[in-house]
Amino acid sequence: LLVCALLAALVIAGQLLGISPVAGIVISLLASLLIGLE
């Protein structure tokens, strides 16, 4: 539930800030890396 909320918050924040798709992919890869580490 916490990971799902974190990923949803990243998507919403990315849309609200209007970041580019490449930056969104990089941010999601970094979040997945953090998930894999922890």
PDB file of all heavy atoms in Angstrom:
ATOM      1  N   LEU A   1       0.830  -1.204   0.000  1.00  0.00           N
ATOM      2  CA  LEU A   1       0.000   0.000   0.000  1.00  0.00           C
ATOM      3  C   LEU A   1       0.868   1.258   0.000  1.00  0.00           C
ATOM      4  O   LEU A   1       0.605   2.207  -0.748  1.00  0.00           O
ATOM      5  CB  LEU A   1      -0.922  -0.008   1.223  1.00  0.00           C
ATOM      6  CG  LEU A   1      -1.909   1.141   1.336  1.00  0.00           C
ATOM      7  CD1 LEU A   1      -2.916   1.089   0.198  1.00  0.00           C
ATOM      8  CD2 LEU A   1      -2.609   1.087   2.672  1.00  0.00           C
ATOM      9  N   LEU A   2       1.941   1.251   0.802  1.00  0.00           N
ATOM     10  CA  LEU A   2       2.837   2.405   0.850  1.00  0.00           C
ATOM     11  C   LEU A   2       3.565   2.620  -0.479  1.00  0.00           C
ATOM     12  O   LEU A   2       3.693   3.751  -0.951  1.00  0.00           O
ATOM     13  CB  LEU A   2       3.850   2.235   1.976  1.00  0.00           C
ATOM     14  CG  LEU A   2       3.302   2.316   3.393  1.00  0.00           C
ATOM     15  CD1 LEU A   2       4.384   1.956   4.408  1.00  0.00           C
ATOM     16  CD2 LEU A   2       2.736   3.683   3.664  1.00  0.00           C
ATOM     17  N   VAL A   3       4.022   1.542  -1.095  1.00  0.00           N
ATOM     18  CA  VAL A   3       4.720   1.654  -2.387  1.00  0.00           C
ATOM     19  C   VAL A   3       3.758   2.128  -3.469  1.00  0.00           C
ATOM     20  O   VAL A   3       4.105   2.978  -4.296  1.00  0.00           O
ATOM     21  CB  VAL A   3       5.379   0.312  -2.755  1.00  0.00           C
ATOM     22  CG1 VAL A   3       5.851   0.292  -4.195  1.00  0.00           C
ATOM     23  CG2 VAL A   3       6.538   0.028  -1.825  1.00  0.00           C
ATOM     24  N   CYS A   4       2.540   1.607  -3.450  1.00  0.00           N
ATOM     25  CA  CYS A   4       1.538   2.026  -4.431  1.00  0.00           C
ATOM     26  C   CYS A   4       1.227   3.518  -4.265  1.00  0.00           C
ATOM     27  O   CYS A   4       1.128   4.251  -5.256  1.00  0.00           O
ATOM     28  CB  CYS A   4       0.280   1.182  -4.274  1.00  0.00           C
ATOM     29  SG  CYS A   4      -0.942   1.458  -5.553  1.00  0.00           S
ATOM     30  N   ALA A   5       1.103   3.957  -3.008  1.00  0.00           N
ATOM     31  CA  ALA A   5       0.841   5.379  -2.754  1.00  0.00           C
ATOM     32  C   ALA A   5       2.022   6.241  -3.197  1.00  0.00           C
ATOM     33  O   ALA A   5       1.831   7.325  -3.768  1.00  0.00           O
ATOM     34  CB  ALA A   5       0.551   5.594  -1.271  1.00  0.00           C
ATOM     35  N   LEU A   6       3.254   5.765  -2.959  1.00  0.00           N
ATOM     36  CA  LEU A   6       4.441   6.506  -3.388  1.00  0.00           C
ATOM     37  C   LEU A   6       4.485   6.645  -4.904  1.00  0.00           C
ATOM     38  O   LEU A   6       4.723   7.732  -5.429  1.00  0.00           O
ATOM     39  CB  LEU A   6       5.706   5.805  -2.891  1.00  0.00           C
ATOM     40  CG  LEU A   6       7.017   6.328  -3.472  1.00  0.00           C
ATOM     41  CD1 LEU A   6       7.415   7.624  -2.791  1.00  0.00           C
ATOM     42  CD2 LEU A   6       8.096   5.291  -3.370  1.00  0.00           C
ATOM     43  N   LEU A   7       4.230   5.557  -5.615  1.00  0.00           N
ATOM     44  CA  LEU A   7       4.261   5.602  -7.078  1.00  0.00           C
ATOM     45  C   LEU A   7       3.147   6.476  -7.634  1.00  0.00           C
ATOM     46  O   LEU A   7       3.355   7.224  -8.597  1.00  0.00           O
ATOM     47  CB  LEU A   7       4.181   4.189  -7.650  1.00  0.00           C
ATOM     48  CG  LEU A   7       5.386   3.292  -7.340  1.00  0.00           C
ATOM     49  CD1 LEU A   7       5.150   1.875  -7.855  1.00  0.00           C
ATOM     50  CD2 LEU A   7       6.656   3.870  -7.913  1.00  0.00           C
ATOM     51  N   ALA A   8       1.965   6.412  -7.025  1.00  0.00           N
ATOM     52  CA  ALA A   8       0.856   7.264  -7.468  1.00  0.00           C
ATOM     53  C   ALA A   8       1.175   8.744  -7.209  1.00  0.00           C
ATOM     54  O   ALA A   8       0.886   9.604  -8.052  1.00  0.00           O
ATOM     55  CB  ALA A   8      -0.433   6.864  -6.758  1.00  0.00           C
ATOM     56  N   ALA A   9       1.791   9.026  -6.062  1.00  0.00           N
ATOM     57  CA  ALA A   9       2.161  10.407  -5.753  1.00  0.00           C
ATOM     58  C   ALA A   9       3.204  10.925  -6.737  1.00  0.00           C
ATOM     59  O   ALA A   9       3.161  12.101  -7.134  1.00  0.00           O
ATOM     60  CB  ALA A   9       2.688  10.495  -4.321  1.00  0.00           C
ATOM     61  N   LEU A  10       4.125  10.075  -7.164  1.00  0.00           N
ATOM     62  CA  LEU A  10       5.123  10.489  -8.156  1.00  0.00           C
ATOM     63  C   LEU A  10       4.472  10.816  -9.495  1.00  0.00           C
ATOM     64  O   LEU A  10       4.833  11.797 -10.150  1.00  0.00           O
ATOM     65  CB  LEU A  10       6.178   9.401  -8.337  1.00  0.00           C
ATOM     66  CG  LEU A  10       7.218   9.271  -7.230  1.00  0.00           C
ATOM     67  CD1 LEU A  10       8.121   8.077  -7.488  1.00  0.00           C
ATOM     68  CD2 LEU A  10       8.025  10.542  -7.124  1.00  0.00           C
ATOM     69  N   VAL A  11       3.498  10.000  -9.896  1.00  0.00           N
ATOM     70  CA  VAL A  11       2.807  10.246 -11.166  1.00  0.00           C
ATOM     71  C   VAL A  11       2.020  11.557 -11.099  1.00  0.00           C
ATOM     72  O   VAL A  11       2.079  12.383 -12.020  1.00  0.00           O
ATOM     73  CB  VAL A  11       1.876   9.058 -11.510  1.00  0.00           C
ATOM     74  CG1 VAL A  11       0.949   9.405 -12.664  1.00  0.00           C
ATOM     75  CG2 VAL A  11       2.701   7.828 -11.846  1.00  0.00           C
ATOM     76  N   ILE A  12       1.293  11.758 -10.006  1.00  0.00           N
ATOM     77  CA  ILE A  12       0.486  12.976  -9.863  1.00  0.00           C
ATOM     78  C   ILE A  12       1.381  14.212  -9.798  1.00  0.00           C
ATOM     79  O   ILE A  12       1.109  15.226 -10.451  1.00  0.00           O
ATOM     80  CB  ILE A  12      -0.423  12.869  -8.621  1.00  0.00           C
ATOM     81  CG1 ILE A  12      -1.487  11.800  -8.871  1.00  0.00           C
ATOM     82  CG2 ILE A  12      -1.068  14.203  -8.289  1.00  0.00           C
ATOM     83  CD1 ILE A  12      -2.298  11.429  -7.654  1.00  0.00           C
ATOM     84  N   ALA A  13       2.475  14.112  -9.039  1.00  0.00           N
ATOM     85  CA  ALA A  13       3.395  15.246  -8.938  1.00  0.00           C
ATOM     86  C   ALA A  13       4.034  15.550 -10.292  1.00  0.00           C
ATOM     87  O   ALA A  13       4.210  16.717 -10.652  1.00  0.00           O
ATOM     88  CB  ALA A  13       4.475  14.959  -7.901  1.00  0.00           C
ATOM     89  N   GLY A  14       4.351  14.516 -11.045  1.00  0.00           N
ATOM     90  CA  GLY A  14       4.931  14.720 -12.374  1.00  0.00           C
ATOM     91  C   GLY A  14       3.965  15.407 -13.312  1.00  0.00           C
ATOM     92  O   GLY A  14       4.360  16.274 -14.106  1.00  0.00           O
ATOM     93  N   GLN A  15       2.690  15.033 -13.245  1.00  0.00           N
ATOM     94  CA  GLN A  15       1.700  15.669 -14.111  1.00  0.00           C
ATOM     95  C   GLN A  15       1.433  17.114 -13.694  1.00  0.00           C
ATOM     96  O   GLN A  15       1.265  17.988 -14.541  1.00  0.00           O
ATOM     97  CB  GLN A  15       0.405  14.866 -14.109  1.00  0.00           C
ATOM     98  CG  GLN A  15       0.524  13.568 -14.870  1.00  0.00           C
ATOM     99  CD  GLN A  15      -0.782  12.785 -14.875  1.00  0.00           C
ATOM    100  OE1 GLN A  15      -1.727  13.121 -14.184  1.00  0.00           O
ATOM    101  NE2 GLN A  15      -0.803  11.726 -15.677  1.00  0.00           N
ATOM    102  N   LEU A  16       1.375  17.348 -12.374  1.00  0.00           N
ATOM    103  CA  LEU A  16       1.124  18.711 -11.903  1.00  0.00           C
ATOM    104  C   LEU A  16       2.286  19.644 -12.222  1.00  0.00           C
ATOM    105  O   LEU A  16       2.082  20.829 -12.514  1.00  0.00           O
ATOM    106  CB  LEU A  16       0.861  18.710 -10.401  1.00  0.00           C
ATOM    107  CG  LEU A  16      -0.466  18.102  -9.948  1.00  0.00           C
ATOM    108  CD1 LEU A  16      -0.556  18.075  -8.432  1.00  0.00           C
ATOM    109  CD2 LEU A  16      -1.632  18.887 -10.532  1.00  0.00           C
ATOM    110  N   LEU A  17       3.507  19.130 -12.167  1.00  0.00           N
ATOM    111  CA  LEU A  17       4.670  19.953 -12.454  1.00  0.00           C
ATOM    112  C   LEU A  17       4.967  20.057 -13.942  1.00  0.00           C
ATOM    113  O   LEU A  17       5.785  20.880 -14.355  1.00  0.00           O
ATOM    114  CB  LEU A  17       5.901  19.402 -11.715  1.00  0.00           C
ATOM    115  CG  LEU A  17       5.840  19.462 -10.194  1.00  0.00           C
ATOM    116  CD1 LEU A  17       7.030  18.752  -9.588  1.00  0.00           C
ATOM    117  CD2 LEU A  17       5.780  20.918  -9.736  1.00  0.00           C
ATOM    118  N   GLY A  18       4.329  19.218 -14.743  1.00  0.00           N
ATOM    119  CA  GLY A  18       4.514  19.251 -16.187  1.00  0.00           C
ATOM    120  C   GLY A  18       5.910  18.823 -16.627  1.00  0.00           C
ATOM    121  O   GLY A  18       6.471  19.433 -17.544  1.00  0.00           O
ATOM    122  N   ILE A  19       6.457  17.814 -16.000  1.00  0.00           N
ATOM    123  CA  ILE A  19       7.801  17.366 -16.380  1.00  0.00           C
ATOM    124  C   ILE A  19       7.734  16.589 -17.692  1.00  0.00           C
ATOM    125  O   ILE A  19       6.691  16.051 -18.079  1.00  0.00           O
ATOM    126  CB  ILE A  19       8.456  16.518 -15.269  1.00  0.00           C
ATOM    127  CG1 ILE A  19       7.652  15.255 -14.993  1.00  0.00           C
ATOM    128  CG2 ILE A  19       8.633  17.308 -13.997  1.00  0.00           C
ATOM    129  CD1 ILE A  19       8.334  14.296 -14.071  1.00  0.00           C
ATOM    130  N   SER A  20       8.856  16.508 -18.353  1.00  0.00           N
ATOM    131  CA  SER A  20       8.900  15.824 -19.652  1.00  0.00           C
ATOM    132  C   SER A  20       8.801  14.311 -19.450  1.00  0.00           C
ATOM    133  O   SER A  20       9.104  13.798 -18.369  1.00  0.00           O
ATOM    134  CB  SER A  20      10.207  16.163 -20.370  1.00  0.00           C
ATOM    135  OG  SER A  20      11.299  15.566 -19.701  1.00  0.00           O
ATOM    136  N   PRO A  21       8.382  13.578 -20.489  1.00  0.00           N
ATOM    137  CA  PRO A  21       8.282  12.120 -20.372  1.00  0.00           C
ATOM    138  C   PRO A  21       9.616  11.450 -20.048  1.00  0.00           C
ATOM    139  O   PRO A  21       9.649  10.466 -19.317  1.00  0.00           O
ATOM    140  CB  PRO A  21       7.775  11.688 -21.743  1.00  0.00           C
ATOM    141  CG  PRO A  21       7.083  12.878 -22.299  1.00  0.00           C
ATOM    142  CD  PRO A  21       7.810  14.053 -21.742  1.00  0.00           C
ATOM    143  N   VAL A  22      10.717  11.981 -20.557  1.00  0.00           N
ATOM    144  CA  VAL A  22      12.031  11.396 -20.264  1.00  0.00           C
ATOM    145  C   VAL A  22      12.352  11.540 -18.778  1.00  0.00           C
ATOM    146  O   VAL A  22      12.832  10.596 -18.144  1.00  0.00           O
ATOM    147  CB  VAL A  22      13.119  12.053 -21.138  1.00  0.00           C
ATOM    148  CG1 VAL A  22      14.501  11.572 -20.742  1.00  0.00           C
ATOM    149  CG2 VAL A  22      12.853  11.781 -22.604  1.00  0.00           C
ATOM    150  N   ALA A  23      12.080  12.713 -18.222  1.00  0.00           N
ATOM    151  CA  ALA A  23      12.313  12.929 -16.795  1.00  0.00           C
ATOM    152  C   ALA A  23      11.402  12.024 -15.963  1.00  0.00           C
ATOM    153  O   ALA A  23      11.813  11.515 -14.916  1.00  0.00           O
ATOM    154  CB  ALA A  23      12.087  14.388 -16.439  1.00  0.00           C
ATOM    155  N   GLY A  24      10.165  11.810 -16.417  1.00  0.00           N
ATOM    156  CA  GLY A  24       9.248  10.910 -15.723  1.00  0.00           C
ATOM    157  C   GLY A  24       9.765   9.481 -15.703  1.00  0.00           C
ATOM    158  O   GLY A  24       9.654   8.787 -14.684  1.00  0.00           O
ATOM    159  N   ILE A  25      10.343   9.051 -16.831  1.00  0.00           N
ATOM    160  CA  ILE A  25      10.901   7.705 -16.896  1.00  0.00           C
ATOM    161  C   ILE A  25      12.095   7.582 -15.962  1.00  0.00           C
ATOM    162  O   ILE A  25      12.241   6.584 -15.244  1.00  0.00           O
ATOM    163  CB  ILE A  25      11.275   7.350 -18.353  1.00  0.00           C
ATOM    164  CG1 ILE A  25      10.011   7.175 -19.184  1.00  0.00           C
ATOM    165  CG2 ILE A  25      12.136   6.094 -18.405  1.00  0.00           C
ATOM    166  CD1 ILE A  25      10.255   7.016 -20.665  1.00  0.00           C
ATOM    167  N   VAL A  26      12.948   8.592 -15.931  1.00  0.00           N
ATOM    168  CA  VAL A  26      14.118   8.572 -15.049  1.00  0.00           C
ATOM    169  C   VAL A  26      13.678   8.532 -13.584  1.00  0.00           C
ATOM    170  O   VAL A  26      14.216   7.766 -12.777  1.00  0.00           O
ATOM    171  CB  VAL A  26      15.041   9.777 -15.324  1.00  0.00           C
ATOM    172  CG1 VAL A  26      16.113   9.922 -14.260  1.00  0.00           C
ATOM    173  CG2 VAL A  26      15.667   9.648 -16.695  1.00  0.00           C
ATOM    174  N   ILE A  27      12.692   9.334 -13.238  1.00  0.00           N
ATOM    175  CA  ILE A  27      12.191   9.355 -11.859  1.00  0.00           C
ATOM    176  C   ILE A  27      11.577   8.016 -11.487  1.00  0.00           C
ATOM    177  O   ILE A  27      11.810   7.496 -10.386  1.00  0.00           O
ATOM    178  CB  ILE A  27      11.186  10.511 -11.672  1.00  0.00           C
ATOM    179  CG1 ILE A  27      11.921  11.841 -11.733  1.00  0.00           C
ATOM    180  CG2 ILE A  27      10.443  10.381 -10.349  1.00  0.00           C
ATOM    181  CD1 ILE A  27      11.017  13.044 -11.778  1.00  0.00           C
ATOM    182  N   SER A  28      10.815   7.405 -12.387  1.00  0.00           N
ATOM    183  CA  SER A  28      10.220   6.098 -12.071  1.00  0.00           C
ATOM    184  C   SER A  28      11.277   5.006 -11.966  1.00  0.00           C
ATOM    185  O   SER A  28      11.166   4.104 -11.134  1.00  0.00           O
ATOM    186  CB  SER A  28       9.153   5.724 -13.107  1.00  0.00           C
ATOM    187  OG  SER A  28       9.745   5.532 -14.370  1.00  0.00           O
ATOM    188  N   LEU A  29      12.336   5.090 -12.774  1.00  0.00           N
ATOM    189  CA  LEU A  29      13.434   4.123 -12.649  1.00  0.00           C
ATOM    190  C   LEU A  29      14.171   4.292 -11.325  1.00  0.00           C
ATOM    191  O   LEU A  29      14.545   3.296 -10.688  1.00  0.00           O
ATOM    192  CB  LEU A  29      14.405   4.254 -13.814  1.00  0.00           C
ATOM    193  CG  LEU A  29      13.964   3.609 -15.127  1.00  0.00           C
ATOM    194  CD1 LEU A  29      14.970   3.924 -16.227  1.00  0.00           C
ATOM    195  CD2 LEU A  29      13.790   2.116 -14.968  1.00  0.00           C
ATOM    196  N   LEU A  30      14.375   5.534 -10.902  1.00  0.00           N
ATOM    197  CA  LEU A  30      15.015   5.776  -9.613  1.00  0.00           C
ATOM    198  C   LEU A  30      14.144   5.282  -8.456  1.00  0.00           C
ATOM    199  O   LEU A  30      14.651   4.727  -7.473  1.00  0.00           O
ATOM    200  CB  LEU A  30      15.350   7.255  -9.451  1.00  0.00           C
ATOM    201  CG  LEU A  30      16.481   7.784 -10.329  1.00  0.00           C
ATOM    202  CD1 LEU A  30      16.611   9.291 -10.180  1.00  0.00           C
ATOM    203  CD2 LEU A  30      17.784   7.085  -9.988  1.00  0.00           C
ATOM    204  N   ALA A  31      12.831   5.479  -8.573  1.00  0.00           N
ATOM    205  CA  ALA A  31      11.926   4.968  -7.539  1.00  0.00           C
ATOM    206  C   ALA A  31      11.952   3.443  -7.510  1.00  0.00           C
ATOM    207  O   ALA A  31      11.972   2.833  -6.431  1.00  0.00           O
ATOM    208  CB  ALA A  31      10.507   5.476  -7.790  1.00  0.00           C
ATOM    209  N   SER A  32      11.984   2.806  -8.670  1.00  0.00           N
ATOM    210  CA  SER A  32      12.072   1.345  -8.726  1.00  0.00           C
ATOM    211  C   SER A  32      13.399   0.851  -8.167  1.00  0.00           C
ATOM    212  O   SER A  32      13.455  -0.192  -7.521  1.00  0.00           O
ATOM    213  CB  SER A  32      11.900   0.853 -10.161  1.00  0.00           C
ATOM    214  OG  SER A  32      10.607   1.129 -10.622  1.00  0.00           O
ATOM    215  N   LEU A  33      14.461   1.593  -8.407  1.00  0.00           N
ATOM    216  CA  LEU A  33      15.765   1.243  -7.844  1.00  0.00           C
ATOM    217  C   LEU A  33      15.722   1.299  -6.321  1.00  0.00           C
ATOM    218  O   LEU A  33      16.214   0.395  -5.640  1.00  0.00           O
ATOM    219  CB  LEU A  33      16.837   2.180  -8.390  1.00  0.00           C
ATOM    220  CG  LEU A  33      18.265   1.926  -7.912  1.00  0.00           C
ATOM    221  CD1 LEU A  33      18.771   0.601  -8.458  1.00  0.00           C
ATOM    222  CD2 LEU A  33      19.164   3.055  -8.359  1.00  0.00           C
ATOM    223  N   LEU A  34      15.109   2.340  -5.779  1.00  0.00           N
ATOM    224  CA  LEU A  34      14.951   2.457  -4.331  1.00  0.00           C
ATOM    225  C   LEU A  34      14.117   1.299  -3.777  1.00  0.00           C
ATOM    226  O   LEU A  34      14.441   0.729  -2.729  1.00  0.00           O
ATOM    227  CB  LEU A  34      14.316   3.800  -3.974  1.00  0.00           C
ATOM    228  CG  LEU A  34      14.048   4.040  -2.497  1.00  0.00           C
ATOM    229  CD1 LEU A  34      15.360   4.095  -1.728  1.00  0.00           C
ATOM    230  CD2 LEU A  34      13.258   5.305  -2.301  1.00  0.00           C
ATOM    231  N   ILE A  35      13.062   0.941  -4.479  1.00  0.00           N
ATOM    232  CA  ILE A  35      12.216  -0.179  -4.049  1.00  0.00           C
ATOM    233  C   ILE A  35      13.020  -1.477  -4.052  1.00  0.00           C
ATOM    234  O   ILE A  35      12.939  -2.272  -3.118  1.00  0.00           O
ATOM    235  CB  ILE A  35      10.967  -0.281  -4.946  1.00  0.00           C
ATOM    236  CG1 ILE A  35      10.039   0.901  -4.684  1.00  0.00           C
ATOM    237  CG2 ILE A  35      10.236  -1.594  -4.734  1.00  0.00           C
ATOM    238  CD1 ILE A  35       8.956   1.084  -5.712  1.00  0.00           C
ATOM    239  N   GLY A  36      13.803  -1.705  -5.083  1.00  0.00           N
ATOM    240  CA  GLY A  36      14.623  -2.905  -5.151  1.00  0.00           C
ATOM    241  C   GLY A  36      15.660  -2.966  -4.051  1.00  0.00           C
ATOM    242  O   GLY A  36      15.976  -4.033  -3.528  1.00  0.00           O
ATOM    243  N   LEU A  37      16.206  -1.808  -3.675  1.00  0.00           N
ATOM    244  CA  LEU A  37      17.203  -1.767  -2.606  1.00  0.00           C
ATOM    245  C   LEU A  37      16.594  -1.989  -1.225  1.00  0.00           C
ATOM    246  O   LEU A  37      17.217  -2.603  -0.357  1.00  0.00           O
ATOM    247  CB  LEU A  37      17.936  -0.419  -2.628  1.00  0.00           C
ATOM    248  CG  LEU A  37      18.928  -0.214  -3.763  1.00  0.00           C
ATOM    249  CD1 LEU A  37      19.390   1.244  -3.806  1.00  0.00           C
ATOM    250  CD2 LEU A  37      20.109  -1.143  -3.609  1.00  0.00           C
ATOM    251  N   GLU A  38      15.393  -1.506  -1.004  1.00  0.00           N
ATOM    252  CA  GLU A  38      14.790  -1.556   0.329  1.00  0.00           C
ATOM    253  C   GLU A  38      13.753  -2.658   0.504  1.00  0.00           C
ATOM    254  O   GLU A  38      13.189  -2.792   1.590  1.00  0.00           O
ATOM    255  CB  GLU A  38      14.153  -0.200   0.652  1.00  0.00           C
ATOM    256  CG  GLU A  38      15.157   0.910   0.779  1.00  0.00           C
ATOM    257  CD  GLU A  38      16.170   0.661   1.897  1.00  0.00           C
ATOM    258  OE1 GLU A  38      15.801   0.089   2.939  1.00  0.00           O
ATOM    259  OE2 GLU A  38      17.335   1.041   1.711  1.00  0.00           O
TER     260      GLU A  38
END
